[in-house]
């Protein structure tokens, strides 16, 4: 009987902790402001702030053009690069999102 209780407790704890781990998915979106600037905002699916997360703008060859970070409001705005570019939300291992400039629309 005690063995069953322990097994049920362990299983419940495992499922609870798995749910917490899965709930921290990064969210990131960028928009062309049609005025020569790009606006991006980020966050996490569990509602935690993305303030201070590095945002790296790269040219078409992968060279870093700018390194920025999300504001306390979890957003950033920068001048739109000429030619091909991409924007990286650098949330750490397993929490990176790369958006090609070709997918950033008005």
PDB file of N, CA and C in Angstrom:
ATOM      1  N   UNK A   1       0.834  -1.190   0.000  1.00  0.00           N
ATOM      2  CA  UNK A   1       0.000   0.000   0.000  1.00  0.00           C
ATOM      3  C   UNK A   1       0.880   1.257   0.000  1.00  0.00           C
ATOM      4  N   UNK A   2       1.868   1.289   0.869  1.00  0.00           N
ATOM      5  CA  UNK A   2       2.775   2.437   0.943  1.00  0.00           C
ATOM      6  C   UNK A   2       3.518   2.609  -0.379  1.00  0.00           C
ATOM      7  N   UNK A   3       3.864   1.509  -0.997  1.00  0.00           N
ATOM      8  CA  UNK A   3       4.553   1.550  -2.291  1.00  0.00           C
ATOM      9  C   UNK A   3       3.674   2.229  -3.347  1.00  0.00           C
ATOM     10  N   UNK A   4       2.383   1.921  -3.363  1.00  0.00           N
ATOM     11  CA  UNK A   4       1.466   2.524  -4.322  1.00  0.00           C
ATOM     12  C   UNK A   4       1.329   4.025  -4.082  1.00  0.00           C
ATOM     13  N   UNK A   5       1.239   4.411  -2.846  1.00  0.00           N
ATOM     14  CA  UNK A   5       1.126   5.838  -2.511  1.00  0.00           C
ATOM     15  C   UNK A   5       2.375   6.575  -2.972  1.00  0.00           C
ATOM     16  N   UNK A   6       3.544   6.004  -2.699  1.00  0.00           N
ATOM     17  CA  UNK A   6       4.797   6.617  -3.121  1.00  0.00           C
ATOM     18  C   UNK A   6       4.854   6.733  -4.641  1.00  0.00           C
ATOM     19  N   UNK A   7       4.452   5.690  -5.347  1.00  0.00           N
ATOM     20  CA  UNK A   7       4.462   5.696  -6.804  1.00  0.00           C
ATOM     21  C   UNK A   7       3.521   6.767  -7.349  1.00  0.00           C
ATOM     22  N   UNK A   8       2.307   6.868  -6.788  1.00  0.00           N
ATOM     23  CA  UNK A   8       1.360   7.895  -7.227  1.00  0.00           C
ATOM     24  C   UNK A   8       1.892   9.298  -6.944  1.00  0.00           C
ATOM     25  N   UNK A   9       2.496   9.486  -5.778  1.00  0.00           N
ATOM     26  CA  UNK A   9       3.070  10.781  -5.416  1.00  0.00           C
ATOM     27  C   UNK A   9       4.185  11.153  -6.398  1.00  0.00           C
ATOM     28  N   UNK A  10       5.082  10.221  -6.677  1.00  0.00           N
ATOM     29  CA  UNK A  10       6.184  10.462  -7.598  1.00  0.00           C
ATOM     30  C   UNK A  10       5.662  10.799  -8.997  1.00  0.00           C
ATOM     31  N   UNK A  11       4.659  10.064  -9.456  1.00  0.00           N
ATOM     32  CA  UNK A  11       4.092  10.304 -10.778  1.00  0.00           C
ATOM     33  C   UNK A  11       3.435  11.687 -10.844  1.00  0.00           C
ATOM     34  N   UNK A  12       2.701  12.063  -9.815  1.00  0.00           N
ATOM     35  CA  UNK A  12       2.055  13.379  -9.779  1.00  0.00           C
ATOM     36  C   UNK A  12       3.104  14.491  -9.782  1.00  0.00           C
ATOM     37  N   UNK A  13       4.160  14.337  -8.996  1.00  0.00           N
ATOM     38  CA  UNK A  13       5.224  15.338  -8.944  1.00  0.00           C
ATOM     39  C   UNK A  13       5.920  15.449 -10.301  1.00  0.00           C
ATOM     40  N   UNK A  14       6.183  14.337 -10.945  1.00  0.00           N
ATOM     41  CA  UNK A  14       6.834  14.336 -12.249  1.00  0.00           C
ATOM     42  C   UNK A  14       5.978  15.068 -13.285  1.00  0.00           C
ATOM     43  N   UNK A  15       4.684  14.763 -13.317  1.00  0.00           N
ATOM     44  CA  UNK A  15       3.792  15.418 -14.275  1.00  0.00           C
ATOM     45  C   UNK A  15       3.693  16.913 -13.996  1.00  0.00           C
ATOM     46  N   UNK A  16       3.636  17.299 -12.747  1.00  0.00           N
ATOM     47  CA  UNK A  16       3.567  18.716 -12.379  1.00  0.00           C
ATOM     48  C   UNK A  16       4.827  19.445 -12.832  1.00  0.00           C
ATOM     49  N   UNK A  17       5.989  18.892 -12.534  1.00  0.00           N
ATOM     50  CA  UNK A  17       7.252  19.534 -12.904  1.00  0.00           C
ATOM     51  C   UNK A  17       7.443  19.546 -14.412  1.00  0.00           C
ATOM     52  N   UNK A  18       6.984  18.523 -15.105  1.00  0.00           N
ATOM     53  CA  UNK A  18       7.083  18.507 -16.568  1.00  0.00           C
ATOM     54  C   UNK A  18       6.248  19.621 -17.166  1.00  0.00           C
ATOM     55  N   UNK A  19       5.090  19.864 -16.602  1.00  0.00           N
ATOM     56  CA  UNK A  19       4.230  20.942 -17.073  1.00  0.00           C
ATOM     57  C   UNK A  19       4.867  22.295 -16.876  1.00  0.00           C
ATOM     58  N   UNK A  20       5.539  22.481 -15.759  1.00  0.00           N
ATOM     59  CA  UNK A  20       6.233  23.746 -15.508  1.00  0.00           C
ATOM     60  C   UNK A  20       7.354  23.942 -16.514  1.00  0.00           C
ATOM     61  N   UNK A  21       8.141  22.933 -16.771  1.00  0.00           N
ATOM     62  CA  UNK A  21       9.263  23.041 -17.699  1.00  0.00           C
ATOM     63  C   UNK A  21       8.784  23.348 -19.113  1.00  0.00           C
ATOM     64  N   UNK A  22       7.687  22.762 -19.513  1.00  0.00           N
ATOM     65  CA  UNK A  22       7.179  22.965 -20.863  1.00  0.00           C
ATOM     66  C   UNK A  22       6.507  24.322 -21.033  1.00  0.00           C
ATOM     67  N   UNK A  23       6.174  24.986 -19.948  1.00  0.00           N
ATOM     68  CA  UNK A  23       5.432  26.237 -20.014  1.00  0.00           C
ATOM     69  C   UNK A  23       6.318  27.460 -20.221  1.00  0.00           C
ATOM     70  N   UNK A  24       7.585  27.268 -20.447  1.00  0.00           N
ATOM     71  CA  UNK A  24       8.514  28.391 -20.582  1.00  0.00           C
ATOM     72  C   UNK A  24       9.014  28.506 -22.026  1.00  0.00           C
ATOM     73  N   UNK A  25       8.098  28.513 -22.965  1.00  0.00           N
ATOM     74  CA  UNK A  25       8.425  28.612 -24.384  1.00  0.00           C
ATOM     75  C   UNK A  25       8.644  30.073 -24.764  1.00  0.00           C
ATOM     76  N   UNK A  26       9.718  30.391 -25.510  1.00  0.00           N
ATOM     77  CA  UNK A  26       9.923  31.779 -25.922  1.00  0.00           C
ATOM     78  C   UNK A  26       8.928  32.193 -27.003  1.00  0.00           C
ATOM     79  N   UNK A  27       8.563  33.462 -26.975  1.00  0.00           N
ATOM     80  CA  UNK A  27       7.673  34.062 -27.968  1.00  0.00           C
ATOM     81  C   UNK A  27       8.368  35.303 -28.503  1.00  0.00           C
ATOM     82  N   UNK A  28       8.363  35.492 -29.817  1.00  0.00           N
ATOM     83  CA  UNK A  28       9.070  36.627 -30.402  1.00  0.00           C
ATOM     84  C   UNK A  28       8.436  36.979 -31.739  1.00  0.00           C
ATOM     85  N   UNK A  29       8.206  38.261 -31.970  1.00  0.00           N
ATOM     86  CA  UNK A  29       7.617  38.725 -33.226  1.00  0.00           C
ATOM     87  C   UNK A  29       8.229  40.060 -33.599  1.00  0.00           C
ATOM     88  N   UNK A  30       8.401  40.284 -34.892  1.00  0.00           N
ATOM     89  CA  UNK A  30       8.929  41.549 -35.398  1.00  0.00           C
ATOM     90  C   UNK A  30       8.016  42.064 -36.506  1.00  0.00           C
ATOM     91  N   UNK A  31       7.933  43.399 -36.615  1.00  0.00           N
ATOM     92  CA  UNK A  31       7.071  44.051 -37.589  1.00  0.00           C
ATOM     93  C   UNK A  31       7.820  45.196 -38.249  1.00  0.00           C
ATOM     94  N   UNK A  32       7.650  45.332 -39.559  1.00  0.00           N
ATOM     95  CA  UNK A  32       8.208  46.450 -40.311  1.00  0.00           C
ATOM     96  C   UNK A  32       7.279  47.642 -40.102  1.00  0.00           C
ATOM     97  N   UNK A  33       7.791  48.739 -39.559  1.00  0.00           N
ATOM     98  CA  UNK A  33       6.971  49.914 -39.275  1.00  0.00           C
ATOM     99  C   UNK A  33       6.680  50.757 -40.518  1.00  0.00           C
ATOM    100  N   UNK A  34       7.243  50.397 -41.680  1.00  0.00           N
ATOM    101  CA  UNK A  34       7.067  51.120 -42.944  1.00  0.00           C
ATOM    102  C   UNK A  34       7.625  52.536 -42.879  1.00  0.00           C
ATOM    103  N   UNK A  35       8.519  52.786 -41.939  1.00  0.00           N
ATOM    104  CA  UNK A  35       9.167  54.097 -41.829  1.00  0.00           C
ATOM    105  C   UNK A  35      10.691  53.949 -41.733  1.00  0.00           C
ATOM    106  N   UNK A  36      11.185  52.766 -42.147  1.00  0.00           N
ATOM    107  CA  UNK A  36      12.617  52.505 -42.080  1.00  0.00           C
ATOM    108  C   UNK A  36      13.064  51.889 -40.767  1.00  0.00           C
ATOM    109  N   UNK A  37      12.093  51.525 -39.904  1.00  0.00           N
ATOM    110  CA  UNK A  37      12.434  50.889 -38.629  1.00  0.00           C
ATOM    111  C   UNK A  37      11.686  49.567 -38.492  1.00  0.00           C
ATOM    112  N   UNK A  38      12.196  48.736 -37.602  1.00  0.00           N
ATOM    113  CA  UNK A  38      11.593  47.443 -37.285  1.00  0.00           C
ATOM    114  C   UNK A  38      11.306  47.430 -35.788  1.00  0.00           C
ATOM    115  N   UNK A  39      10.125  46.949 -35.424  1.00  0.00           N
ATOM    116  CA  UNK A  39       9.718  46.831 -34.023  1.00  0.00           C
ATOM    117  C   UNK A  39       9.607  45.353 -33.680  1.00  0.00           C
ATOM    118  N   UNK A  40      10.216  44.944 -32.560  1.00  0.00           N
ATOM    119  CA  UNK A  40      10.138  43.552 -32.113  1.00  0.00           C
ATOM    120  C   UNK A  40       9.708  43.507 -30.654  1.00  0.00           C
ATOM    121  N   UNK A  41       8.994  42.451 -30.301  1.00  0.00           N
ATOM    122  CA  UNK A  41       8.609  42.233 -28.920  1.00  0.00           C
ATOM    123  C   UNK A  41       8.747  40.756 -28.603  1.00  0.00           C
ATOM    124  N   UNK A  42       9.092  40.462 -27.351  1.00  0.00           N
ATOM    125  CA  UNK A  42       9.301  39.082 -26.954  1.00  0.00           C
ATOM    126  C   UNK A  42       8.759  38.811 -25.569  1.00  0.00           C
ATOM    127  N   UNK A  43       8.744  37.549 -25.222  1.00  0.00           N
ATOM    128  CA  UNK A  43       8.284  37.123 -23.915  1.00  0.00           C
ATOM    129  C   UNK A  43       8.385  35.624 -23.809  1.00  0.00           C
ATOM    130  N   UNK A  44       7.750  35.088 -22.784  1.00  0.00           N
ATOM    131  CA  UNK A  44       7.725  33.648 -22.561  1.00  0.00           C
ATOM    132  C   UNK A  44       6.293  33.219 -22.300  1.00  0.00           C
ATOM    133  N   UNK A  45       5.968  32.010 -22.695  1.00  0.00           N
ATOM    134  CA  UNK A  45       4.593  31.524 -22.624  1.00  0.00           C
ATOM    135  C   UNK A  45       4.051  31.450 -21.201  1.00  0.00           C
ATOM    136  N   UNK A  46       4.930  31.419 -20.215  1.00  0.00           N
ATOM    137  CA  UNK A  46       4.465  31.384 -18.828  1.00  0.00           C
ATOM    138  C   UNK A  46       4.239  32.782 -18.262  1.00  0.00           C
ATOM    139  N   UNK A  47       4.392  33.803 -19.125  1.00  0.00           N
ATOM    140  CA  UNK A  47       4.154  35.179 -18.707  1.00  0.00           C
ATOM    141  C   UNK A  47       5.372  35.887 -18.150  1.00  0.00           C
ATOM    142  N   UNK A  48       6.499  35.205 -18.044  1.00  0.00           N
ATOM    143  CA  UNK A  48       7.693  35.851 -17.496  1.00  0.00           C
ATOM    144  C   UNK A  48       8.260  36.857 -18.491  1.00  0.00           C
ATOM    145  N   UNK A  49       8.889  37.861 -17.954  1.00  0.00           N
ATOM    146  CA  UNK A  49       9.433  38.963 -18.751  1.00  0.00           C
ATOM    147  C   UNK A  49      10.625  38.514 -19.589  1.00  0.00           C
ATOM    148  N   UNK A  50      10.777  39.178 -20.726  1.00  0.00           N
ATOM    149  CA  UNK A  50      11.950  38.950 -21.571  1.00  0.00           C
ATOM    150  C   UNK A  50      12.867  40.171 -21.531  1.00  0.00           C
ATOM    151  N   UNK A  51      12.631  41.074 -20.593  1.00  0.00           N
ATOM    152  CA  UNK A  51      13.471  42.269 -20.469  1.00  0.00           C
ATOM    153  C   UNK A  51      14.935  41.868 -20.333  1.00  0.00           C
ATOM    154  N   UNK A  52      15.783  42.543 -21.098  1.00  0.00           N
ATOM    155  CA  UNK A  52      17.214  42.274 -21.049  1.00  0.00           C
ATOM    156  C   UNK A  52      17.697  41.165 -21.966  1.00  0.00           C
ATOM    157  N   UNK A  53      16.785  40.459 -22.610  1.00  0.00           N
ATOM    158  CA  UNK A  53      17.185  39.390 -23.538  1.00  0.00           C
ATOM    159  C   UNK A  53      17.904  40.023 -24.719  1.00  0.00           C
ATOM    160  N   UNK A  54      19.083  39.490 -25.097  1.00  0.00           N
ATOM    161  CA  UNK A  54      19.788  40.037 -26.257  1.00  0.00           C
ATOM    162  C   UNK A  54      19.037  39.796 -27.563  1.00  0.00           C
ATOM    163  N   UNK A  55      19.043  40.815 -28.411  1.00  0.00           N
ATOM    164  CA  UNK A  55      18.483  40.751 -29.755  1.00  0.00           C
ATOM    165  C   UNK A  55      19.634  41.053 -30.702  1.00  0.00           C
ATOM    166  N   UNK A  56      19.918  40.127 -31.597  1.00  0.00           N
ATOM    167  CA  UNK A  56      21.064  40.259 -32.489  1.00  0.00           C
ATOM    168  C   UNK A  56      20.554  40.369 -33.925  1.00  0.00           C
ATOM    169  N   UNK A  57      20.922  41.459 -34.582  1.00  0.00           N
ATOM    170  CA  UNK A  57      20.553  41.688 -35.976  1.00  0.00           C
ATOM    171  C   UNK A  57      21.760  41.302 -36.823  1.00  0.00           C
ATOM    172  N   UNK A  58      21.527  40.403 -37.807  1.00  0.00           N
ATOM    173  CA  UNK A  58      22.610  39.909 -38.659  1.00  0.00           C
ATOM    174  C   UNK A  58      22.316  40.231 -40.117  1.00  0.00           C
ATOM    175  N   UNK A  59      23.375  40.400 -40.901  1.00  0.00           N
ATOM    176  CA  UNK A  59      23.191  40.592 -42.339  1.00  0.00           C
ATOM    177  C   UNK A  59      22.981  39.244 -43.015  1.00  0.00           C
ATOM    178  N   UNK A  60      22.799  39.256 -44.332  1.00  0.00           N
ATOM    179  CA  UNK A  60      22.539  38.036 -45.083  1.00  0.00           C
ATOM    180  C   UNK A  60      23.630  36.992 -45.003  1.00  0.00           C
ATOM    181  N   UNK A  61      24.855  37.405 -44.656  1.00  0.00           N
ATOM    182  CA  UNK A  61      25.980  36.471 -44.519  1.00  0.00           C
ATOM    183  C   UNK A  61      26.141  35.961 -43.098  1.00  0.00           C
ATOM    184  N   UNK A  62      25.286  36.433 -42.184  1.00  0.00           N
ATOM    185  CA  UNK A  62      25.372  35.999 -40.793  1.00  0.00           C
ATOM    186  C   UNK A  62      26.252  36.865 -39.921  1.00  0.00           C
ATOM    187  N   UNK A  63      26.775  37.965 -40.484  1.00  0.00           N
ATOM    188  CA  UNK A  63      27.604  38.873 -39.692  1.00  0.00           C
ATOM    189  C   UNK A  63      26.724  39.753 -38.811  1.00  0.00           C
ATOM    190  N   UNK A  64      27.158  39.987 -37.579  1.00  0.00           N
ATOM    191  CA  UNK A  64      26.385  40.806 -36.647  1.00  0.00           C
ATOM    192  C   UNK A  64      26.430  42.268 -37.075  1.00  0.00           C
ATOM    193  N   UNK A  65      25.248  42.859 -37.244  1.00  0.00           N
ATOM    194  CA  UNK A  65      25.121  44.276 -37.573  1.00  0.00           C
ATOM    195  C   UNK A  65      24.936  45.083 -36.292  1.00  0.00           C
ATOM    196  N   UNK A  66      24.050  44.585 -35.427  1.00  0.00           N
ATOM    197  CA  UNK A  66      23.737  45.262 -34.167  1.00  0.00           C
ATOM    198  C   UNK A  66      23.461  44.227 -33.084  1.00  0.00           C
ATOM    199  N   UNK A  67      23.814  44.586 -31.857  1.00  0.00           N
ATOM    200  CA  UNK A  67      23.406  43.810 -30.703  1.00  0.00           C
ATOM    201  C   UNK A  67      22.628  44.750 -29.799  1.00  0.00           C
ATOM    202  N   UNK A  68      21.397  44.392 -29.538  1.00  0.00           N
ATOM    203  CA  UNK A  68      20.488  45.201 -28.731  1.00  0.00           C
ATOM    204  C   UNK A  68      19.982  44.333 -27.587  1.00  0.00           C
ATOM    205  N   UNK A  69      19.101  44.869 -26.760  1.00  0.00           N
ATOM    206  CA  UNK A  69      18.414  44.034 -25.783  1.00  0.00           C
ATOM    207  C   UNK A  69      17.005  44.561 -25.587  1.00  0.00           C
ATOM    208  N   UNK A  70      16.120  43.645 -25.221  1.00  0.00           N
ATOM    209  CA  UNK A  70      14.730  44.035 -25.014  1.00  0.00           C
ATOM    210  C   UNK A  70      14.627  44.961 -23.803  1.00  0.00           C
ATOM    211  N   UNK A  71      13.790  45.975 -23.939  1.00  0.00           N
ATOM    212  CA  UNK A  71      13.577  46.948 -22.865  1.00  0.00           C
ATOM    213  C   UNK A  71      12.815  46.308 -21.699  1.00  0.00           C
ATOM    214  N   UNK A  72      12.564  47.097 -20.682  1.00  0.00           N
ATOM    215  CA  UNK A  72      11.802  46.572 -19.532  1.00  0.00           C
ATOM    216  C   UNK A  72      10.375  46.220 -19.942  1.00  0.00           C
ATOM    217  N   UNK A  73       9.929  46.742 -21.090  1.00  0.00           N
ATOM    218  CA  UNK A  73       8.619  46.387 -21.644  1.00  0.00           C
ATOM    219  C   UNK A  73       8.718  45.205 -22.607  1.00  0.00           C
ATOM    220  N   UNK A  74       9.890  44.599 -22.689  1.00  0.00           N
ATOM    221  CA  UNK A  74      10.162  43.441 -23.553  1.00  0.00           C
ATOM    222  C   UNK A  74      10.002  43.754 -25.032  1.00  0.00           C
ATOM    223  N   UNK A  75      10.406  44.971 -25.441  1.00  0.00           N
ATOM    224  CA  UNK A  75      10.359  45.335 -26.849  1.00  0.00           C
ATOM    225  C   UNK A  75      11.624  46.087 -27.235  1.00  0.00           C
ATOM    226  N   UNK A  76      11.812  46.259 -28.551  1.00  0.00           N
ATOM    227  CA  UNK A  76      12.965  46.982 -29.077  1.00  0.00           C
ATOM    228  C   UNK A  76      12.605  47.484 -30.475  1.00  0.00           C
ATOM    229  N   UNK A  77      13.192  48.592 -30.860  1.00  0.00           N
ATOM    230  CA  UNK A  77      13.011  49.140 -32.202  1.00  0.00           C
ATOM    231  C   UNK A  77      14.387  49.502 -32.738  1.00  0.00           C
ATOM    232  N   UNK A  78      14.603  49.239 -34.021  1.00  0.00           N
ATOM    233  CA  UNK A  78      15.900  49.542 -34.633  1.00  0.00           C
ATOM    234  C   UNK A  78      15.697  49.906 -36.093  1.00  0.00           C
ATOM    235  N   UNK A  79      16.720  50.542 -36.678  1.00  0.00           N
ATOM    236  CA  UNK A  79      16.690  50.888 -38.100  1.00  0.00           C
ATOM    237  C   UNK A  79      16.742  49.617 -38.928  1.00  0.00           C
ATOM    238  N   UNK A  80      15.874  49.546 -39.931  1.00  0.00           N
ATOM    239  CA  UNK A  80      15.814  48.380 -40.805  1.00  0.00           C
ATOM    240  C   UNK A  80      17.081  48.327 -41.647  1.00  0.00           C
ATOM    241  N   UNK A  81      17.810  47.203 -41.612  1.00  0.00           N
ATOM    242  CA  UNK A  81      19.023  47.071 -42.422  1.00  0.00           C
ATOM    243  C   UNK A  81      18.714  47.015 -43.921  1.00  0.00           C
ATOM    244  N   UNK A  82      19.664  47.435 -44.724  1.00  0.00           N
ATOM    245  CA  UNK A  82      19.563  47.312 -46.178  1.00  0.00           C
ATOM    246  C   UNK A  82      19.807  45.857 -46.546  1.00  0.00           C
ATOM    247  N   UNK A  83      19.124  45.359 -47.560  1.00  0.00           N
ATOM    248  CA  UNK A  83      19.354  44.001 -48.052  1.00  0.00           C
ATOM    249  C   UNK A  83      18.820  42.933 -47.108  1.00  0.00           C
ATOM    250  N   UNK A  84      19.355  41.721 -47.275  1.00  0.00           N
ATOM    251  CA  UNK A  84      18.927  40.590 -46.456  1.00  0.00           C
ATOM    252  C   UNK A  84      19.426  40.748 -45.026  1.00  0.00           C
ATOM    253  N   UNK A  85      18.574  40.345 -44.081  1.00  0.00           N
ATOM    254  CA  UNK A  85      18.952  40.385 -42.673  1.00  0.00           C
ATOM    255  C   UNK A  85      18.087  39.405 -41.892  1.00  0.00           C
ATOM    256  N   UNK A  86      18.470  39.162 -40.649  1.00  0.00           N
ATOM    257  CA  UNK A  86      17.671  38.331 -39.753  1.00  0.00           C
ATOM    258  C   UNK A  86      17.786  38.914 -38.348  1.00  0.00           C
ATOM    259  N   UNK A  87      16.828  38.541 -37.501  1.00  0.00           N
ATOM    260  CA  UNK A  87      16.795  39.025 -36.124  1.00  0.00           C
ATOM    261  C   UNK A  87      16.732  37.812 -35.205  1.00  0.00           C
ATOM    262  N   UNK A  88      17.673  37.733 -34.261  1.00  0.00           N
ATOM    263  CA  UNK A  88      17.763  36.603 -33.343  1.00  0.00           C
ATOM    264  C   UNK A  88      17.363  37.020 -31.935  1.00  0.00           C
ATOM    265  N   UNK A  89      16.379  36.331 -31.364  1.00  0.00           N
ATOM    266  CA  UNK A  89      16.017  36.428 -29.949  1.00  0.00           C
ATOM    267  C   UNK A  89      16.907  35.414 -29.256  1.00  0.00           C
ATOM    268  N   UNK A  90      17.912  35.869 -28.500  1.00  0.00           N
ATOM    269  CA  UNK A  90      18.907  34.994 -27.892  1.00  0.00           C
ATOM    270  C   UNK A  90      18.538  34.701 -26.439  1.00  0.00           C
ATOM    271  N   UNK A  91      17.529  33.833 -26.269  1.00  0.00           N
ATOM    272  CA  UNK A  91      17.024  33.511 -24.940  1.00  0.00           C
ATOM    273  C   UNK A  91      17.800  32.415 -24.231  1.00  0.00           C
ATOM    274  N   UNK A  92      18.917  31.979 -24.789  1.00  0.00           N
ATOM    275  CA  UNK A  92      19.697  30.906 -24.175  1.00  0.00           C
ATOM    276  C   UNK A  92      19.385  29.575 -24.836  1.00  0.00           C
ATOM    277  N   UNK A  93      20.100  28.571 -24.416  1.00  0.00           N
ATOM    278  CA  UNK A  93      19.978  27.249 -25.031  1.00  0.00           C
ATOM    279  C   UNK A  93      18.525  26.769 -25.047  1.00  0.00           C
ATOM    280  N   UNK A  94      18.051  26.446 -26.241  1.00  0.00           N
ATOM    281  CA  UNK A  94      16.692  25.965 -26.402  1.00  0.00           C
ATOM    282  C   UNK A  94      15.642  27.067 -26.396  1.00  0.00           C
ATOM    283  N   UNK A  95      16.077  28.319 -26.277  1.00  0.00           N
ATOM    284  CA  UNK A  95      15.144  29.441 -26.219  1.00  0.00           C
ATOM    285  C   UNK A  95      15.498  30.519 -27.238  1.00  0.00           C
ATOM    286  N   UNK A  96      16.096  30.135 -28.356  1.00  0.00           N
ATOM    287  CA  UNK A  96      16.446  31.071 -29.423  1.00  0.00           C
ATOM    288  C   UNK A  96      15.375  31.039 -30.509  1.00  0.00           C
ATOM    289  N   UNK A  97      15.106  32.219 -31.061  1.00  0.00           N
ATOM    290  CA  UNK A  97      14.199  32.311 -32.207  1.00  0.00           C
ATOM    291  C   UNK A  97      14.864  33.211 -33.237  1.00  0.00           C
ATOM    292  N   UNK A  98      15.006  32.718 -34.454  1.00  0.00           N
ATOM    293  CA  UNK A  98      15.598  33.482 -35.547  1.00  0.00           C
ATOM    294  C   UNK A  98      14.507  33.800 -36.565  1.00  0.00           C
ATOM    295  N   UNK A  99      14.335  35.091 -36.842  1.00  0.00           N
ATOM    296  CA  UNK A  99      13.343  35.521 -37.826  1.00  0.00           C
ATOM    297  C   UNK A  99      14.067  36.152 -39.008  1.00  0.00           C
ATOM    298  N   UNK A 100      13.967  35.535 -40.204  1.00  0.00           N
ATOM    299  CA  UNK A 100      14.556  36.150 -41.398  1.00  0.00           C
ATOM    300  C   UNK A 100      13.819  37.447 -41.743  1.00  0.00           C
ATOM    301  N   UNK A 101      14.535  38.437 -42.237  1.00  0.00           N
ATOM    302  CA  UNK A 101      13.936  39.686 -42.628  1.00  0.00           C
ATOM    303  C   UNK A 101      12.821  39.516 -43.648  1.00  0.00           C
ATOM    304  N   UNK A 102      12.931  38.485 -44.479  1.00  0.00           N
ATOM    305  CA  UNK A 102      11.895  38.229 -45.496  1.00  0.00           C
ATOM    306  C   UNK A 102      10.552  37.847 -44.878  1.00  0.00           C
ATOM    307  N   UNK A 103      10.543  37.520 -43.571  1.00  0.00           N
ATOM    308  CA  UNK A 103       9.304  37.166 -42.879  1.00  0.00           C
ATOM    309  C   UNK A 103       8.808  38.276 -41.963  1.00  0.00           C
ATOM    310  N   UNK A 104       9.431  39.464 -42.077  1.00  0.00           N
ATOM    311  CA  UNK A 104       9.011  40.613 -41.262  1.00  0.00           C
ATOM    312  C   UNK A 104       8.237  41.542 -42.166  1.00  0.00           C
ATOM    313  N   UNK A 105       6.946  41.683 -41.891  1.00  0.00           N
ATOM    314  CA  UNK A 105       6.036  42.442 -42.742  1.00  0.00           C
ATOM    315  C   UNK A 105       5.465  43.641 -42.011  1.00  0.00           C
ATOM    316  N   UNK A 106       4.866  44.567 -42.796  1.00  0.00           N
ATOM    317  CA  UNK A 106       4.186  45.725 -42.237  1.00  0.00           C
ATOM    318  C   UNK A 106       2.921  45.293 -41.542  1.00  0.00           C
TER     319      UNK A 106
END
